[in-house]
Amino acid sequence: MNSGLILDLVLVLIAVAAAVWAMAERARAARAEAELGQAGGGVDALVKRASEAFEAQNKVSQAKLEAQLNPVKETLEKFEKKVAAADEARAREAGGLKAHLEQLLSATAATQEEARRLSTALRRGAGVQGQWGEQVLRNVLELAGMKEGRDFDEQVHVKTAEGVQRPDFVVRLPRGGLFVVDSKCSTTAYLEAQQATDEATREAAYARHAMSVKGHVQSLAAKAYWDSFDNTPDFVVMFVPGDGILAAAVERQPDLYTMAMDRRVILTTPSSLFALCMAVMYGWRVEQQNVNAREIADLGRELYKRLSVMGGHVAAVGAALDRAVEGYNRFVGSLETQVLTQARRFEDLKADTAVAPLREIPVVDGATRSLSKLAGEPPVDALPPALGPVVGPVLTGDEAAPTSAK
């Protein structure tokens, strides 16, 4: 109970108490008037004064009562307005709910009509049922992420010794594998059971439906699709276009699953076939990852081979540079010892050469850096002498004289 309701009750109690008090005052005045009447006419003046006093007291009491009841009146008016607003809102909500219910009933009626039309169409014959089953099967395959022509094929013709076979769908597996899916399960008896009006007729129709499914399993096993295709597992998938359709048959034929598996027939419904197709798509993703891994390995081997060849070229260039440095240093040594020594005698003889004095020619002391970490390359010590790194100039004989000789 909220505080507003408690306040309303308190005000009502106050008003009732005031009314009771006023009624008690009136009764007391009436008794006084009766007593005065009995006293005789000698007390008329007293009665008049009493009457006037009573009227005055009555007005005061009436004013007090009205003052005390006004909050109650206002509260009741507010409460009445709130009740009216609540009734109006409830009426609006009821109207909206009614509209929603009408839409729901209309949609339900439309659904029932479509179901009735579908049921009527399916009862026309096996051809319509086969088309419906194929469409449901195609929807399941596409929901699993498969695409026609890439992951599955329809109405594949294959020649056998007994003639031409045409399975409904052929689902491709990684590494060239495949398996056959058949969707020609009859649902005529099941639809008759759904339309039956009494339990006996319904149960008889369900029994015929179970025998029809069992017969289709046997005929499908007799086709031996696994012998007609290469690289296919030894089973065929029989698709039933509804979980309830298969459940009704299994309920009347408890050994239906065992009998089918003994004949290499896998019974599936939209839910179980979807899981099977998702597993196939996972296998395709793994196969693609393996293909990518093999391509990456091939690219790595080819890159390594090219790096090895390039390393050989780099080593040859380095060896050539080392030989060039060695030749340069020999040339500098020969120039210093054989030519410049003789030429500096002009300076000692104070000859007027009219040119700047001869400069010293530096020797290249550095050497190229070998690719020591290149895999497959022999160590530096194993290289031929002509290809080994040259550290500093290699001078022999008189070429080994210091470059500062005069």
Protein backbone atom coordinates (compact mmCIF):
# COMPACT_ATOMS: atom_id res chain seq x y z
CA MET A 1 0.00 0.00 0.00
CA ASN A 2 1.52 3.35 -1.05
CA SER A 3 1.68 6.57 0.98
CA GLY A 4 -1.04 8.30 -1.11
CA LEU A 5 -3.59 5.64 -0.29
CA ILE A 6 -2.71 5.77 3.42
CA LEU A 7 -3.20 9.57 3.41
CA ASP A 8 -6.57 9.14 1.73
CA LEU A 9 -7.68 6.68 4.41
CA VAL A 10 -6.55 9.02 7.23
CA LEU A 11 -8.51 11.91 5.73
CA VAL A 12 -11.63 9.75 5.40
CA LEU A 13 -11.33 8.68 9.06
CA ILE A 14 -11.00 12.33 10.15
CA ALA A 15 -14.10 13.24 8.16
CA VAL A 16 -16.07 10.37 9.69
CA ALA A 17 -14.98 11.41 13.20
CA ALA A 18 -16.07 14.99 12.55
CA ALA A 19 -19.45 13.82 11.28
CA VAL A 20 -19.94 11.68 14.37
CA TRP A 21 -18.99 14.63 16.62
CA ALA A 22 -21.52 16.90 14.84
CA MET A 23 -24.25 14.33 15.18
CA ALA A 24 -23.46 14.02 18.92
CA GLU A 25 -23.71 17.81 19.31
CA ARG A 26 -27.08 17.84 17.58
CA ALA A 27 -28.32 15.06 19.83
CA ARG A 28 -27.13 16.93 22.91
CA ALA A 29 -28.88 20.12 21.76
CA ALA A 30 -32.03 18.16 21.05
CA ARG A 31 -32.00 16.72 24.53
CA ALA A 32 -31.48 20.22 25.98
CA GLU A 33 -34.41 21.54 23.97
CA ALA A 34 -36.61 18.71 25.16
CA GLU A 35 -35.69 19.42 28.75
CA LEU A 36 -36.51 23.11 28.32
CA GLY A 37 -39.90 22.26 26.80
CA GLN A 38 -40.72 20.21 29.82
CA ALA A 39 -39.79 23.10 32.12
CA GLY A 40 -42.65 25.21 30.71
CA GLY A 41 -43.04 28.49 28.97
CA GLY A 42 -41.18 30.33 31.67
CA VAL A 43 -38.02 29.31 30.10
CA ASP A 44 -38.80 30.45 26.51
CA ALA A 45 -36.02 32.96 26.59
CA LEU A 46 -33.62 30.28 27.72
CA VAL A 47 -34.84 28.02 24.94
CA LYS A 48 -34.38 30.77 22.40
CA ARG A 49 -30.87 31.47 23.56
CA ALA A 50 -30.18 27.77 23.57
CA SER A 51 -31.56 27.47 20.10
CA GLU A 52 -29.45 30.38 18.86
CA ALA A 53 -26.41 28.88 20.56
CA PHE A 54 -27.17 25.55 18.94
CA GLU A 55 -27.55 27.16 15.49
CA ALA A 56 -24.28 29.01 15.93
CA GLN A 57 -22.57 25.85 17.11
CA ASN A 58 -24.13 23.94 14.21
CA LYS A 59 -22.77 26.46 11.69
CA VAL A 60 -19.34 26.28 13.29
CA SER A 61 -19.46 22.50 13.24
CA GLN A 62 -20.65 22.53 9.61
CA ALA A 63 -17.82 24.87 8.65
CA LYS A 64 -15.27 22.69 10.44
CA LEU A 65 -16.69 19.59 8.80
CA GLU A 66 -16.54 21.17 5.35
CA ALA A 67 -12.97 22.33 6.01
CA GLN A 68 -12.00 18.82 7.04
CA LEU A 69 -13.81 17.16 4.12
CA ASN A 70 -12.43 19.44 1.41
CA PRO A 71 -9.05 17.60 1.22
CA VAL A 72 -10.93 14.34 1.04
CA LYS A 73 -13.08 15.74 -1.75
CA GLU A 74 -10.03 16.94 -3.67
CA THR A 75 -8.29 13.61 -3.16
CA LEU A 76 -11.35 11.73 -4.37
CA GLU A 77 -11.54 13.96 -7.45
CA LYS A 78 -7.88 13.31 -8.24
CA PHE A 79 -8.41 9.61 -7.70
CA GLU A 80 -11.41 9.69 -10.01
CA LYS A 81 -9.36 11.43 -12.71
CA LYS A 82 -6.59 8.85 -12.35
CA VAL A 83 -9.09 6.02 -12.61
CA ALA A 84 -10.60 7.62 -15.72
CA ALA A 85 -7.13 8.03 -17.29
CA ALA A 86 -6.25 4.43 -16.44
CA ASP A 87 -9.52 3.24 -17.98
CA GLU A 88 -8.80 5.26 -21.11
CA ALA A 89 -5.24 3.89 -21.38
CA ARG A 90 -6.51 0.37 -20.79
CA ALA A 91 -9.09 0.87 -23.51
CA ARG A 92 -6.38 2.06 -25.93
CA GLU A 93 -4.14 -0.87 -25.03
CA ALA A 94 -7.03 -3.25 -25.42
CA GLY A 95 -7.70 -1.77 -28.85
CA GLY A 96 -4.04 -2.18 -29.86
CA LEU A 97 -3.97 -5.71 -28.50
CA LYS A 98 -7.10 -6.47 -30.42
CA ALA A 99 -5.49 -5.17 -33.61
CA HIS A 100 -2.39 -7.30 -32.98
CA LEU A 101 -4.55 -10.33 -32.31
CA GLU A 102 -6.44 -9.71 -35.53
CA GLN A 103 -3.13 -9.48 -37.43
CA LEU A 104 -1.91 -12.66 -35.75
CA LEU A 105 -5.12 -14.47 -36.60
CA SER A 106 -4.88 -13.23 -40.17
CA ALA A 107 -1.25 -14.39 -40.45
CA THR A 108 -2.17 -17.74 -38.88
CA ALA A 109 -5.02 -18.16 -41.31
CA ALA A 110 -2.70 -17.31 -44.21
CA THR A 111 -0.14 -19.81 -42.94
CA GLN A 112 -2.77 -22.47 -42.57
CA GLU A 113 -3.98 -21.73 -46.08
CA GLU A 114 -0.45 -22.02 -47.47
CA ALA A 115 0.05 -25.24 -45.52
CA ARG A 116 -3.22 -26.55 -46.89
CA ARG A 117 -2.18 -25.66 -50.42
CA LEU A 118 1.20 -27.29 -49.91
CA SER A 119 -0.44 -30.39 -48.46
CA THR A 120 -2.85 -30.52 -51.37
CA ALA A 121 -0.02 -30.10 -53.86
CA LEU A 122 2.10 -32.76 -52.19
CA ARG A 123 -0.77 -35.25 -52.29
CA ARG A 124 -1.02 -34.90 -56.06
CA GLY A 125 1.82 -37.32 -56.69
CA ALA A 126 5.42 -38.36 -56.25
CA GLY A 127 6.62 -35.77 -58.79
CA VAL A 128 5.52 -32.81 -56.70
CA GLN A 129 6.88 -34.43 -53.53
CA GLY A 130 10.18 -35.07 -55.27
CA GLN A 131 10.47 -31.43 -56.36
CA TRP A 132 9.66 -30.25 -52.84
CA GLY A 133 12.21 -32.62 -51.33
CA GLU A 134 14.86 -31.48 -53.80
CA GLN A 135 14.16 -27.84 -53.00
CA VAL A 136 14.41 -28.46 -49.25
CA LEU A 137 17.66 -30.39 -49.80
CA ARG A 138 19.06 -27.60 -51.97
CA ASN A 139 18.21 -25.04 -49.28
CA VAL A 140 20.05 -27.10 -46.65
CA LEU A 141 23.16 -27.39 -48.83
CA GLU A 142 23.18 -23.65 -49.55
CA LEU A 143 22.66 -22.80 -45.86
CA ALA A 144 25.75 -24.90 -45.10
CA GLY A 145 27.76 -22.63 -47.41
CA MET A 146 27.86 -24.90 -50.45
CA LYS A 147 27.45 -23.71 -54.02
CA GLU A 148 26.12 -25.63 -56.98
CA GLY A 149 28.78 -26.56 -59.49
CA ARG A 150 31.55 -26.09 -56.95
CA ASP A 151 30.54 -28.13 -53.90
CA PHE A 152 27.63 -30.19 -55.25
CA ASP A 153 25.97 -31.17 -58.54
CA GLU A 154 22.35 -32.01 -59.35
CA GLN A 155 20.92 -34.77 -61.50
CA VAL A 156 24.26 -36.34 -62.41
CA HIS A 157 23.98 -39.07 -65.06
CA VAL A 158 26.21 -42.10 -64.75
CA LYS A 159 26.16 -45.21 -66.92
CA THR A 160 26.29 -48.63 -65.29
CA ALA A 161 25.96 -52.19 -66.47
CA GLU A 162 22.28 -52.12 -65.50
CA GLY A 163 21.61 -48.81 -67.26
CA VAL A 164 21.79 -45.09 -66.48
CA GLN A 165 21.56 -43.87 -62.88
CA ARG A 166 20.63 -40.32 -61.98
CA PRO A 167 21.13 -39.47 -58.31
CA ASP A 168 19.46 -36.30 -57.05
CA PHE A 169 22.61 -34.67 -55.64
CA VAL A 170 26.31 -35.48 -55.56
CA VAL A 171 28.27 -33.70 -52.82
CA ARG A 172 32.00 -33.29 -53.46
CA LEU A 173 34.55 -34.20 -50.81
CA PRO A 174 38.17 -33.03 -50.50
CA ARG A 175 40.80 -34.82 -52.62
CA GLY A 176 38.33 -35.83 -55.30
CA GLY A 177 35.85 -37.73 -53.11
CA LEU A 178 32.05 -37.50 -53.27
CA PHE A 179 28.89 -39.01 -51.83
CA VAL A 180 25.38 -39.38 -53.22
CA VAL A 181 22.26 -37.82 -51.65
CA ASP A 182 18.76 -39.07 -52.55
CA SER A 183 15.65 -36.99 -51.79
CA LYS A 184 12.84 -39.09 -53.32
CA CYS A 185 11.24 -40.10 -50.01
CA SER A 186 7.45 -40.39 -50.32
CA THR A 187 5.36 -38.42 -47.80
CA THR A 188 1.87 -39.33 -49.07
CA ALA A 189 0.96 -41.59 -46.15
CA TYR A 190 2.38 -39.09 -43.65
CA LEU A 191 0.18 -36.33 -45.10
CA GLU A 192 -2.83 -38.64 -44.92
CA ALA A 193 -2.07 -39.22 -41.25
CA GLN A 194 -1.95 -35.48 -40.66
CA GLN A 195 -5.36 -35.02 -42.26
CA ALA A 196 -7.00 -37.99 -40.49
CA THR A 197 -9.96 -37.21 -38.24
CA ASP A 198 -9.85 -40.28 -36.01
CA GLU A 199 -7.04 -42.09 -34.22
CA ALA A 200 -7.45 -45.42 -36.01
CA THR A 201 -7.19 -43.87 -39.46
CA ARG A 202 -4.25 -41.77 -38.37
CA GLU A 203 -2.34 -44.75 -36.94
CA ALA A 204 -2.99 -46.83 -40.06
CA ALA A 205 -1.61 -44.02 -42.22
CA TYR A 206 1.47 -43.74 -39.99
CA ALA A 207 2.04 -47.50 -40.34
CA ARG A 208 1.89 -47.19 -44.15
CA HIS A 209 4.30 -44.27 -43.95
CA ALA A 210 6.82 -46.32 -41.94
CA MET A 211 6.61 -49.18 -44.44
CA SER A 212 7.06 -46.69 -47.32
CA VAL A 213 10.25 -45.28 -45.77
CA LYS A 214 11.55 -48.79 -45.12
CA GLY A 215 10.82 -49.81 -48.70
CA HIS A 216 12.62 -46.75 -50.05
CA VAL A 217 15.69 -47.64 -47.94
CA GLN A 218 15.75 -51.10 -49.48
CA SER A 219 15.35 -49.81 -53.05
CA LEU A 220 18.03 -47.18 -52.50
CA ALA A 221 20.46 -49.75 -51.15
CA ALA A 222 19.82 -51.94 -54.19
CA LYS A 223 21.07 -49.18 -56.53
CA ALA A 224 24.58 -49.43 -54.97
CA TYR A 225 25.65 -45.94 -55.96
CA TRP A 226 29.06 -46.59 -54.36
CA ASP A 227 29.81 -49.00 -57.21
CA SER A 228 28.89 -46.43 -59.87
CA PHE A 229 31.23 -43.67 -58.74
CA ASP A 230 34.97 -43.66 -58.16
CA ASN A 231 36.50 -42.44 -54.91
CA THR A 232 33.23 -42.47 -52.97
CA PRO A 233 32.52 -43.98 -49.53
CA ASP A 234 30.46 -47.14 -49.30
CA PHE A 235 27.20 -45.47 -48.35
CA VAL A 236 24.43 -43.33 -49.77
CA VAL A 237 22.61 -40.54 -47.93
CA MET A 238 18.81 -40.77 -47.87
CA PHE A 239 17.26 -37.36 -47.20
CA VAL A 240 13.88 -37.12 -45.45
CA PRO A 241 12.53 -33.53 -45.77
CA GLY A 242 11.38 -33.19 -42.15
CA ASP A 243 12.47 -34.33 -38.71
CA GLY A 244 8.88 -35.15 -37.77
CA ILE A 245 8.44 -37.22 -40.94
CA LEU A 246 11.40 -39.45 -40.08
CA ALA A 247 10.47 -39.56 -36.38
CA ALA A 248 6.98 -40.84 -37.22
CA ALA A 249 8.50 -43.66 -39.28
CA VAL A 250 11.11 -44.59 -36.65
CA GLU A 251 8.42 -44.66 -33.96
CA ARG A 252 6.56 -47.37 -35.90
CA GLN A 253 9.75 -49.11 -37.12
CA PRO A 254 12.27 -48.92 -34.22
CA ASP A 255 14.90 -50.91 -36.18
CA LEU A 256 14.76 -48.54 -39.17
CA TYR A 257 18.11 -46.87 -38.44
CA THR A 258 19.88 -50.20 -37.87
CA MET A 259 18.39 -51.74 -40.99
CA ALA A 260 19.40 -48.72 -43.07
CA MET A 261 22.99 -48.69 -41.79
CA ASP A 262 23.30 -52.42 -42.46
CA ARG A 263 22.44 -51.62 -46.06
CA ARG A 264 24.88 -48.68 -46.23
CA VAL A 265 22.09 -46.09 -46.20
CA ILE A 266 22.45 -43.05 -43.92
CA LEU A 267 19.08 -41.56 -42.88
CA THR A 268 19.22 -37.77 -42.59
CA THR A 269 16.85 -34.88 -42.00
CA PRO A 270 17.44 -31.16 -42.60
CA SER A 271 19.15 -30.77 -39.21
CA SER A 272 21.44 -33.82 -39.46
CA LEU A 273 22.29 -33.23 -43.12
CA PHE A 274 23.18 -29.64 -42.29
CA ALA A 275 25.65 -30.88 -39.67
CA LEU A 276 27.11 -33.38 -42.17
CA CYS A 277 27.55 -30.66 -44.81
CA MET A 278 29.18 -28.34 -42.28
CA ALA A 279 31.69 -31.11 -41.52
CA VAL A 280 32.35 -31.44 -45.26
CA MET A 281 32.90 -27.68 -45.56
CA TYR A 282 35.31 -27.84 -42.62
CA GLY A 283 37.20 -30.57 -44.47
CA TRP A 284 37.38 -28.32 -47.53
CA ARG A 285 38.79 -25.49 -45.41
CA VAL A 286 41.42 -27.82 -43.96
CA GLU A 287 42.26 -29.08 -47.45
CA GLN A 288 42.64 -25.51 -48.70
CA GLN A 289 44.90 -24.73 -45.77
CA ASN A 290 47.00 -27.78 -46.61
CA VAL A 291 47.20 -26.67 -50.24
CA ASN A 292 48.27 -23.21 -49.13
CA ALA A 293 50.84 -24.73 -46.79
CA ARG A 294 52.27 -26.82 -49.63
CA GLU A 295 52.43 -23.77 -51.89
CA ILE A 296 54.15 -21.80 -49.12
CA ALA A 297 56.66 -24.63 -48.68
CA ASP A 298 57.31 -24.70 -52.44
CA LEU A 299 57.75 -20.94 -52.48
CA GLY A 300 60.13 -21.18 -49.53
CA ARG A 301 62.24 -23.84 -51.23
CA GLU A 302 62.35 -21.83 -54.45
CA LEU A 303 63.25 -18.67 -52.54
CA TYR A 304 65.99 -20.52 -50.68
CA LYS A 305 67.35 -21.85 -53.97
CA ARG A 306 67.39 -18.38 -55.48
CA LEU A 307 69.02 -16.92 -52.37
CA SER A 308 71.68 -19.62 -52.61
CA VAL A 309 72.36 -18.74 -56.25
CA MET A 310 72.40 -15.05 -55.42
CA GLY A 311 74.79 -15.76 -52.53
CA GLY A 312 77.14 -17.44 -54.97
CA HIS A 313 77.02 -14.37 -57.19
CA VAL A 314 77.67 -12.10 -54.22
CA ALA A 315 80.62 -14.25 -53.17
CA ALA A 316 82.00 -14.10 -56.72
CA VAL A 317 81.61 -10.31 -56.80
CA GLY A 318 83.36 -10.06 -53.42
CA ALA A 319 86.20 -12.27 -54.64
CA ALA A 320 86.54 -10.14 -57.77
CA LEU A 321 86.66 -7.00 -55.65
CA ASP A 322 89.33 -8.59 -53.43
CA ARG A 323 91.40 -9.45 -56.50
CA ALA A 324 90.96 -5.88 -57.76
CA VAL A 325 92.13 -4.55 -54.37
CA GLU A 326 95.07 -6.92 -54.46
CA GLY A 327 96.00 -5.78 -57.98
CA TYR A 328 95.63 -2.14 -56.97
CA ASN A 329 97.89 -2.59 -53.96
CA ARG A 330 100.51 -4.33 -56.13
CA PHE A 331 100.32 -1.49 -58.60
CA VAL A 332 100.76 1.07 -55.79
CA GLY A 333 103.73 -0.85 -54.39
CA SER A 334 105.36 -1.04 -57.79
CA LEU A 335 104.67 2.63 -58.42
CA GLU A 336 106.15 3.64 -55.10
CA THR A 337 109.29 1.53 -55.39
CA GLN A 338 110.00 1.71 -59.09
CA VAL A 339 108.74 5.08 -60.28
CA LEU A 340 108.13 7.57 -57.51
CA THR A 341 111.43 6.88 -55.79
CA GLN A 342 113.25 7.83 -58.96
CA ALA A 343 110.97 10.82 -59.57
CA ARG A 344 111.61 12.29 -56.10
CA ARG A 345 115.32 12.68 -56.95
CA PHE A 346 114.31 15.73 -58.98
CA GLU A 347 113.17 17.30 -55.73
CA ASP A 348 116.48 16.40 -54.06
CA LEU A 349 118.39 18.04 -56.97
CA LYS A 350 116.32 21.24 -56.64
CA ALA A 351 115.03 20.84 -60.14
CA ASP A 352 112.42 23.35 -61.23
CA THR A 353 109.51 21.11 -62.09
CA ALA A 354 106.92 23.94 -61.94
CA VAL A 355 104.39 21.51 -60.53
CA ALA A 356 103.21 20.47 -57.08
CA PRO A 357 105.35 17.96 -55.24
CA LEU A 358 104.55 14.28 -55.64
CA ARG A 359 101.95 12.92 -53.26
CA GLU A 360 101.95 9.60 -51.55
CA ILE A 361 99.54 7.10 -53.02
CA PRO A 362 97.52 5.32 -50.26
CA VAL A 363 97.14 1.60 -50.08
CA VAL A 364 93.65 0.05 -49.73
CA ASP A 365 93.82 -1.95 -46.50
CA GLY A 366 90.14 -3.01 -46.31
CA ALA A 367 88.62 -6.19 -47.69
CA THR A 368 85.11 -7.22 -48.72
CA ARG A 369 82.92 -8.87 -46.13
CA SER A 370 82.07 -12.47 -46.85
CA LEU A 371 78.55 -13.96 -46.44
CA SER A 372 79.52 -16.25 -43.58
CA LYS A 373 75.88 -16.97 -42.55
CA LEU A 374 74.62 -17.99 -45.94
CA ALA A 375 73.49 -21.62 -45.54
CA GLY A 376 75.12 -24.06 -47.88
CA GLU A 377 78.18 -21.85 -48.52
CA PRO A 378 81.58 -23.32 -47.61
CA PRO A 379 83.61 -21.58 -44.89
CA VAL A 380 86.21 -19.01 -45.90
CA ASP A 381 89.12 -21.38 -45.26
CA ALA A 382 87.64 -23.84 -47.72
CA LEU A 383 87.48 -21.33 -50.58
CA PRO A 384 90.16 -21.49 -53.27
CA PRO A 385 93.06 -19.04 -52.75
CA ALA A 386 91.91 -16.93 -55.68
CA LEU A 387 88.48 -16.49 -54.05
CA GLY A 388 89.58 -15.97 -50.44
CA PRO A 389 89.43 -12.50 -48.87
CA VAL A 390 92.60 -10.43 -49.21
CA VAL A 391 93.60 -8.69 -45.99
CA GLY A 392 95.82 -5.76 -46.88
CA PRO A 393 98.13 -5.56 -49.88
CA VAL A 394 100.14 -8.59 -50.89
CA LEU A 395 103.62 -7.40 -51.99
CA THR A 396 106.64 -9.39 -52.94
CA GLY A 397 110.26 -8.53 -53.60
CA ASP A 398 111.11 -4.89 -53.95
CA GLU A 399 107.39 -4.08 -53.99
CA ALA A 400 107.34 -4.64 -50.23
CA ALA A 401 109.27 -1.44 -49.52
CA PRO A 402 107.48 1.10 -47.37
CA THR A 403 105.47 3.68 -49.28
CA SER A 404 107.26 6.52 -47.48
CA ALA A 405 110.62 5.69 -49.00
CA LYS A 406 112.24 8.62 -50.72
